[in-house]
Amino acid sequence: MKIFFDMIQLLGGLILSLGYIPQIFKIFKTKSVDDFSFNTLKLVAFGIFCMELYAIYNIKVAFMFFITNTLALAIQIIMVMLYMIYRKKENINDL
């Protein structure tokens, strides 16, 4: 039964993590992050980081969660980096 729920968690985590990929491609294509809230990106990244600490603490029990959370954290870090690269100069004060 555990393997079933591990696979459900893996599937859900992959869907949630990979859901950002189309946005990353759009940023690369348009070279624009004008519609993004940097505060939202920072809060989501911090929330995922907190969950990553939990996953590391419970790695024996929650290995699938650790895998998908690590992927989500990496993708969120990419989003923050893209924001930093493509923000307009007048938005620098948003940081």
N, C-alpha and C. Protein backbone atom coordinates (compact mmCIF):
# COMPACT_ATOMS: atom_id res chain seq x y z
N MET A 1 0.82 -1.20 0.00
CA MET A 1 0.00 0.00 0.00
C MET A 1 0.87 1.26 0.00
N LYS A 2 2.02 1.22 0.71
CA LYS A 2 2.90 2.37 0.76
C LYS A 2 3.40 2.74 -0.63
N ILE A 3 3.73 1.75 -1.44
CA ILE A 3 4.25 2.02 -2.79
C ILE A 3 3.20 2.76 -3.62
N PHE A 4 1.92 2.43 -3.43
CA PHE A 4 0.85 3.11 -4.16
C PHE A 4 0.84 4.59 -3.82
N PHE A 5 0.89 4.91 -2.53
CA PHE A 5 0.85 6.31 -2.12
C PHE A 5 2.16 7.03 -2.45
N ASP A 6 3.27 6.30 -2.46
CA ASP A 6 4.53 6.90 -2.91
C ASP A 6 4.42 7.30 -4.39
N MET A 7 3.81 6.45 -5.19
CA MET A 7 3.66 6.75 -6.61
C MET A 7 2.68 7.91 -6.84
N ILE A 8 1.62 7.96 -6.03
CA ILE A 8 0.67 9.08 -6.12
C ILE A 8 1.37 10.38 -5.77
N GLN A 9 2.18 10.36 -4.71
CA GLN A 9 2.92 11.56 -4.31
C GLN A 9 3.92 11.95 -5.40
N LEU A 10 4.60 10.97 -5.97
CA LEU A 10 5.56 11.24 -7.04
C LEU A 10 4.85 11.87 -8.24
N LEU A 11 3.74 11.31 -8.64
CA LEU A 11 2.98 11.85 -9.77
C LEU A 11 2.52 13.29 -9.49
N GLY A 12 1.92 13.51 -8.32
CA GLY A 12 1.45 14.85 -7.97
C GLY A 12 2.59 15.85 -7.88
N GLY A 13 3.68 15.44 -7.26
CA GLY A 13 4.83 16.32 -7.13
C GLY A 13 5.44 16.67 -8.47
N LEU A 14 5.50 15.70 -9.38
CA LEU A 14 6.03 15.97 -10.72
C LEU A 14 5.13 16.94 -11.47
N ILE A 15 3.83 16.74 -11.38
CA ILE A 15 2.89 17.64 -12.06
C ILE A 15 3.04 19.06 -11.52
N LEU A 16 3.09 19.20 -10.19
CA LEU A 16 3.22 20.53 -9.60
C LEU A 16 4.57 21.16 -9.94
N SER A 17 5.62 20.39 -9.93
CA SER A 17 6.95 20.92 -10.23
C SER A 17 7.10 21.29 -11.70
N LEU A 18 6.70 20.39 -12.57
CA LEU A 18 6.89 20.61 -13.99
C LEU A 18 5.89 21.61 -14.56
N GLY A 19 4.88 21.98 -13.77
CA GLY A 19 3.91 22.99 -14.21
C GLY A 19 4.55 24.34 -14.46
N TYR A 20 5.72 24.59 -13.88
CA TYR A 20 6.42 25.85 -14.09
C TYR A 20 7.21 25.89 -15.40
N ILE A 21 7.46 24.76 -15.99
CA ILE A 21 8.29 24.69 -17.20
C ILE A 21 7.73 25.56 -18.34
N PRO A 22 6.43 25.52 -18.64
CA PRO A 22 5.92 26.41 -19.71
C PRO A 22 6.18 27.89 -19.40
N GLN A 23 6.11 28.27 -18.13
CA GLN A 23 6.37 29.66 -17.77
C GLN A 23 7.84 30.01 -18.00
N ILE A 24 8.73 29.10 -17.69
CA ILE A 24 10.16 29.32 -17.92
C ILE A 24 10.42 29.51 -19.41
N PHE A 25 9.81 28.68 -20.24
CA PHE A 25 9.98 28.83 -21.69
C PHE A 25 9.43 30.18 -22.17
N LYS A 26 8.30 30.61 -21.60
CA LYS A 26 7.72 31.89 -21.99
C LYS A 26 8.65 33.05 -21.61
N ILE A 27 9.26 32.96 -20.44
CA ILE A 27 10.20 34.01 -20.03
C ILE A 27 11.38 34.07 -21.00
N PHE A 28 11.92 32.91 -21.34
CA PHE A 28 13.04 32.89 -22.30
C PHE A 28 12.62 33.48 -23.64
N LYS A 29 11.42 33.14 -24.09
CA LYS A 29 10.94 33.59 -25.40
C LYS A 29 10.68 35.09 -25.41
N THR A 30 10.01 35.61 -24.38
CA THR A 30 9.63 37.03 -24.37
C THR A 30 10.69 37.92 -23.72
N LYS A 31 11.62 37.31 -22.98
CA LYS A 31 12.63 38.07 -22.24
C LYS A 31 11.98 39.08 -21.30
N SER A 32 10.84 38.72 -20.72
CA SER A 32 10.09 39.64 -19.89
C SER A 32 9.53 38.92 -18.67
N VAL A 33 9.60 39.62 -17.53
CA VAL A 33 8.98 39.12 -16.30
C VAL A 33 8.10 40.22 -15.70
N ASP A 34 7.62 41.12 -16.55
CA ASP A 34 6.85 42.26 -16.09
C ASP A 34 5.60 41.88 -15.31
N ASP A 35 4.99 40.74 -15.61
CA ASP A 35 3.75 40.34 -14.96
C ASP A 35 3.97 39.51 -13.69
N PHE A 36 5.21 39.37 -13.27
CA PHE A 36 5.51 38.55 -12.10
C PHE A 36 5.64 39.41 -10.86
N SER A 37 5.22 38.85 -9.75
CA SER A 37 5.44 39.47 -8.46
C SER A 37 6.67 38.79 -7.84
N PHE A 38 7.73 39.55 -7.66
CA PHE A 38 8.94 38.98 -7.07
C PHE A 38 8.67 38.51 -5.64
N ASN A 39 7.80 39.21 -4.92
CA ASN A 39 7.46 38.79 -3.56
C ASN A 39 6.83 37.40 -3.56
N THR A 40 5.97 37.14 -4.53
CA THR A 40 5.35 35.81 -4.64
C THR A 40 6.41 34.76 -4.91
N LEU A 41 7.31 35.04 -5.85
CA LEU A 41 8.37 34.08 -6.17
C LEU A 41 9.23 33.78 -4.93
N LYS A 42 9.56 34.83 -4.18
CA LYS A 42 10.38 34.65 -2.98
C LYS A 42 9.64 33.82 -1.93
N LEU A 43 8.36 34.11 -1.73
CA LEU A 43 7.59 33.37 -0.72
C LEU A 43 7.43 31.90 -1.10
N VAL A 44 7.15 31.64 -2.36
CA VAL A 44 7.01 30.25 -2.81
C VAL A 44 8.35 29.52 -2.66
N ALA A 45 9.44 30.17 -3.04
CA ALA A 45 10.76 29.55 -2.89
C ALA A 45 11.06 29.25 -1.43
N PHE A 46 10.73 30.18 -0.54
CA PHE A 46 10.96 29.96 0.89
C PHE A 46 10.09 28.82 1.42
N GLY A 47 8.84 28.76 0.98
CA GLY A 47 7.94 27.68 1.40
C GLY A 47 8.45 26.32 0.94
N ILE A 48 8.92 26.25 -0.28
CA ILE A 48 9.47 24.99 -0.79
C ILE A 48 10.74 24.62 -0.03
N PHE A 49 11.56 25.62 0.29
CA PHE A 49 12.77 25.37 1.07
C PHE A 49 12.42 24.77 2.44
N CYS A 50 11.40 25.32 3.09
CA CYS A 50 10.96 24.78 4.39
C CYS A 50 10.50 23.33 4.25
N MET A 51 9.75 23.05 3.19
CA MET A 51 9.30 21.67 2.97
C MET A 51 10.48 20.76 2.65
N GLU A 52 11.50 21.31 1.99
CA GLU A 52 12.69 20.52 1.69
C GLU A 52 13.41 20.13 2.98
N LEU A 53 13.48 21.05 3.93
CA LEU A 53 14.08 20.70 5.22
C LEU A 53 13.30 19.56 5.89
N TYR A 54 11.97 19.63 5.82
CA TYR A 54 11.14 18.56 6.37
C TYR A 54 11.41 17.24 5.64
N ALA A 55 11.52 17.30 4.33
CA ALA A 55 11.76 16.09 3.54
C ALA A 55 13.11 15.48 3.89
N ILE A 56 14.12 16.31 4.09
CA ILE A 56 15.44 15.80 4.46
C ILE A 56 15.37 15.15 5.84
N TYR A 57 14.67 15.79 6.77
CA TYR A 57 14.53 15.26 8.12
C TYR A 57 13.83 13.90 8.11
N ASN A 58 12.87 13.71 7.22
CA ASN A 58 12.09 12.47 7.14
C ASN A 58 12.41 11.67 5.89
N ILE A 59 13.64 11.73 5.42
CA ILE A 59 13.99 11.13 4.13
C ILE A 59 13.71 9.63 4.07
N LYS A 60 13.84 8.91 5.17
CA LYS A 60 13.57 7.47 5.15
C LYS A 60 12.10 7.18 4.92
N VAL A 61 11.24 8.06 5.39
CA VAL A 61 9.79 7.86 5.27
C VAL A 61 9.24 8.55 4.02
N ALA A 62 9.83 9.68 3.67
CA ALA A 62 9.26 10.53 2.61
C ALA A 62 10.25 10.73 1.46
N PHE A 63 10.83 9.66 0.96
CA PHE A 63 11.84 9.79 -0.09
C PHE A 63 11.25 10.37 -1.38
N MET A 64 10.06 9.94 -1.76
CA MET A 64 9.44 10.47 -2.98
C MET A 64 9.16 11.97 -2.82
N PHE A 65 8.74 12.37 -1.64
CA PHE A 65 8.50 13.78 -1.36
C PHE A 65 9.81 14.56 -1.49
N PHE A 66 10.90 13.98 -1.00
CA PHE A 66 12.22 14.61 -1.12
C PHE A 66 12.59 14.80 -2.59
N ILE A 67 12.36 13.80 -3.41
CA ILE A 67 12.70 13.90 -4.84
C ILE A 67 11.91 15.01 -5.51
N THR A 68 10.61 15.00 -5.36
CA THR A 68 9.79 16.00 -6.05
C THR A 68 9.98 17.38 -5.46
N ASN A 69 10.22 17.47 -4.17
CA ASN A 69 10.43 18.77 -3.54
C ASN A 69 11.77 19.37 -3.99
N THR A 70 12.78 18.53 -4.14
CA THR A 70 14.07 19.00 -4.65
C THR A 70 13.92 19.53 -6.06
N LEU A 71 13.16 18.83 -6.89
CA LEU A 71 12.88 19.30 -8.25
C LEU A 71 12.14 20.63 -8.22
N ALA A 72 11.13 20.74 -7.37
CA ALA A 72 10.36 21.99 -7.27
C ALA A 72 11.24 23.14 -6.80
N LEU A 73 12.12 22.87 -5.85
CA LEU A 73 13.01 23.92 -5.36
C LEU A 73 13.97 24.37 -6.46
N ALA A 74 14.52 23.44 -7.21
CA ALA A 74 15.42 23.79 -8.32
C ALA A 74 14.70 24.64 -9.37
N ILE A 75 13.49 24.26 -9.71
CA ILE A 75 12.72 25.01 -10.70
C ILE A 75 12.37 26.40 -10.18
N GLN A 76 12.03 26.49 -8.90
CA GLN A 76 11.70 27.79 -8.32
C GLN A 76 12.93 28.69 -8.27
N ILE A 77 14.09 28.13 -7.99
CA ILE A 77 15.32 28.91 -8.02
C ILE A 77 15.59 29.43 -9.42
N ILE A 78 15.33 28.61 -10.43
CA ILE A 78 15.47 29.06 -11.83
C ILE A 78 14.54 30.23 -12.09
N MET A 79 13.31 30.15 -11.60
CA MET A 79 12.35 31.24 -11.80
C MET A 79 12.85 32.53 -11.15
N VAL A 80 13.37 32.44 -9.94
CA VAL A 80 13.89 33.62 -9.25
C VAL A 80 15.07 34.19 -10.02
N MET A 81 15.96 33.33 -10.50
CA MET A 81 17.11 33.81 -11.27
C MET A 81 16.67 34.49 -12.56
N LEU A 82 15.69 33.91 -13.24
CA LEU A 82 15.18 34.54 -14.47
C LEU A 82 14.57 35.90 -14.17
N TYR A 83 13.88 35.99 -13.05
CA TYR A 83 13.31 37.28 -12.67
C TYR A 83 14.43 38.30 -12.48
N MET A 84 15.48 37.89 -11.79
CA MET A 84 16.61 38.79 -11.54
C MET A 84 17.27 39.21 -12.86
N ILE A 85 17.34 38.32 -13.81
CA ILE A 85 17.99 38.62 -15.09
C ILE A 85 17.14 39.52 -15.96
N TYR A 86 15.84 39.25 -16.05
CA TYR A 86 14.99 39.92 -17.04
C TYR A 86 14.15 41.07 -16.49
N ARG A 87 14.26 41.38 -15.22
CA ARG A 87 13.45 42.50 -14.71
C ARG A 87 13.95 43.80 -15.34
N LYS A 88 13.03 44.72 -15.48
CA LYS A 88 13.39 46.02 -16.03
C LYS A 88 14.07 46.85 -14.95
N LYS A 89 14.90 47.76 -15.36
CA LYS A 89 15.65 48.57 -14.40
C LYS A 89 14.76 49.33 -13.45
N GLU A 90 13.59 49.78 -13.91
CA GLU A 90 12.70 50.53 -13.02
C GLU A 90 12.09 49.64 -11.95
N ASN A 91 12.14 48.31 -12.12
CA ASN A 91 11.59 47.39 -11.13
C ASN A 91 12.62 46.97 -10.10
N ILE A 92 13.84 47.48 -10.15
CA ILE A 92 14.88 47.07 -9.23
C ILE A 92 14.48 47.37 -7.79
N ASN A 93 13.73 48.42 -7.55
CA ASN A 93 13.31 48.77 -6.20
C ASN A 93 12.34 47.76 -5.61
N ASP A 94 11.77 46.86 -6.42
CA ASP A 94 10.85 45.84 -5.93
C ASP A 94 11.55 44.82 -5.03
N LEU A 95 12.85 44.70 -5.15
CA LEU A 95 13.58 43.69 -4.40
C LEU A 95 13.58 44.07 -2.94
